[in-house]
Amino acid sequence: MLGASQPEDVIKQCTQVLEHIANDNSVPRNIRRSANDILATLNNEAEPLFLRTSSSISILEDISNDPNIPLHTRTLIWNVASQLETIPVDD
């Protein structure tokens, strides 16, 4: 995920990680469902970028606190949230 500076690149990289989480059978179903919800939110270009990213970050923060989430998945979620936070709000 390093080197991504354009919002489109950040979204693309985050989408790849979220797709990995959504397709990982070791991840609880509710977390995979949330990952799919975030993917739908990020890909909804009818909404402004800042709204898509802030909504996604909110969902990511909620699921990162789930006690059933595997540690490796929690780390991925934190990384995605950190990447999304680099997207400027005032675009």
Protein backbone atom coordinates (compact mmCIF):
# COMPACT_ATOMS: atom_id res chain seq x y z
CA MET A 1 0.00 0.00 0.00
CA LEU A 2 2.99 2.29 0.05
CA GLY A 3 3.40 4.96 -2.57
CA ALA A 4 -0.28 5.54 -3.27
CA SER A 5 -0.93 9.24 -3.28
CA GLN A 6 -3.85 9.68 -5.64
CA PRO A 7 -7.27 9.00 -4.07
CA GLU A 8 -8.13 6.63 -6.94
CA ASP A 9 -5.00 4.57 -6.22
CA VAL A 10 -5.80 4.45 -2.51
CA ILE A 11 -9.37 3.31 -3.23
CA LYS A 12 -8.09 0.65 -5.65
CA GLN A 13 -5.61 -0.75 -3.13
CA CYS A 14 -8.16 -0.71 -0.31
CA THR A 15 -10.66 -2.45 -2.56
CA GLN A 16 -8.17 -5.25 -3.23
CA VAL A 17 -7.60 -5.82 0.49
CA LEU A 18 -11.33 -5.71 1.23
CA GLU A 19 -12.01 -8.24 -1.54
CA HIS A 20 -9.39 -10.52 0.04
CA ILE A 21 -11.14 -10.20 3.44
CA ALA A 22 -14.58 -10.75 1.89
CA ASN A 23 -13.38 -13.98 0.24
CA ASP A 24 -11.45 -15.35 3.23
CA ASN A 25 -13.38 -18.23 4.80
CA SER A 26 -11.38 -17.94 8.04
CA VAL A 27 -13.05 -14.57 8.63
CA PRO A 28 -16.46 -14.59 10.38
CA ARG A 29 -19.44 -14.10 8.07
CA ASN A 30 -20.49 -10.77 9.59
CA ILE A 31 -17.02 -9.32 8.96
CA ARG A 32 -17.04 -10.56 5.35
CA ARG A 33 -20.50 -9.04 4.90
CA SER A 34 -19.24 -5.72 6.27
CA ALA A 35 -16.25 -5.87 3.90
CA ASN A 36 -18.69 -6.30 1.00
CA ASP A 37 -20.76 -3.37 2.30
CA ILE A 38 -17.63 -1.20 2.38
CA LEU A 39 -16.74 -2.29 -1.15
CA ALA A 40 -20.20 -1.25 -2.34
CA THR A 41 -19.86 2.09 -0.55
CA LEU A 42 -16.41 2.82 -1.98
CA ASN A 43 -17.49 1.90 -5.51
CA ASN A 44 -20.67 4.02 -5.40
CA GLU A 45 -19.48 6.94 -7.52
CA ALA A 46 -22.86 8.67 -7.17
CA GLU A 47 -21.72 9.72 -3.68
CA PRO A 48 -18.96 12.29 -3.06
CA LEU A 49 -15.55 10.75 -2.35
CA PHE A 50 -15.27 12.20 1.17
CA LEU A 51 -18.66 10.72 2.10
CA ARG A 52 -17.71 7.28 0.75
CA THR A 53 -14.42 7.26 2.64
CA SER A 54 -15.83 8.55 5.94
CA SER A 55 -18.68 6.01 5.82
CA SER A 56 -16.21 3.24 5.08
CA ILE A 57 -13.87 4.29 7.88
CA SER A 58 -16.80 4.28 10.30
CA ILE A 59 -17.74 0.70 9.36
CA LEU A 60 -14.08 -0.37 9.55
CA GLU A 61 -13.77 1.05 13.06
CA ASP A 62 -16.90 -0.81 14.13
CA ILE A 63 -15.78 -4.19 12.80
CA SER A 64 -12.20 -3.81 14.07
CA ASN A 65 -13.65 -3.93 17.59
CA ASP A 66 -15.39 -7.26 16.97
CA PRO A 67 -13.96 -9.79 19.46
CA ASN A 68 -14.30 -12.65 16.94
CA ILE A 69 -12.16 -11.10 14.23
CA PRO A 70 -8.87 -12.92 13.49
CA LEU A 71 -5.78 -10.90 14.38
CA HIS A 72 -4.43 -10.86 10.80
CA THR A 73 -7.77 -9.52 9.56
CA ARG A 74 -7.87 -6.83 12.24
CA THR A 75 -4.43 -5.67 11.10
CA LEU A 76 -5.62 -5.52 7.47
CA ILE A 77 -8.67 -3.52 8.53
CA TRP A 78 -6.53 -1.04 10.46
CA ASN A 79 -4.29 -0.65 7.41
CA VAL A 80 -7.26 -0.02 5.11
CA ALA A 81 -8.69 2.55 7.53
CA SER A 82 -5.31 4.30 7.73
CA GLN A 83 -5.09 4.42 3.95
CA LEU A 84 -8.61 5.81 3.60
CA GLU A 85 -7.79 8.50 6.16
CA THR A 86 -5.10 9.83 3.78
CA ILE A 87 -7.78 10.86 1.27
CA PRO A 88 -8.42 14.61 1.54
CA VAL A 89 -11.87 15.64 2.71
CA ASP A 90 -11.97 18.90 0.74
CA ASP A 91 -11.80 17.48 -2.80
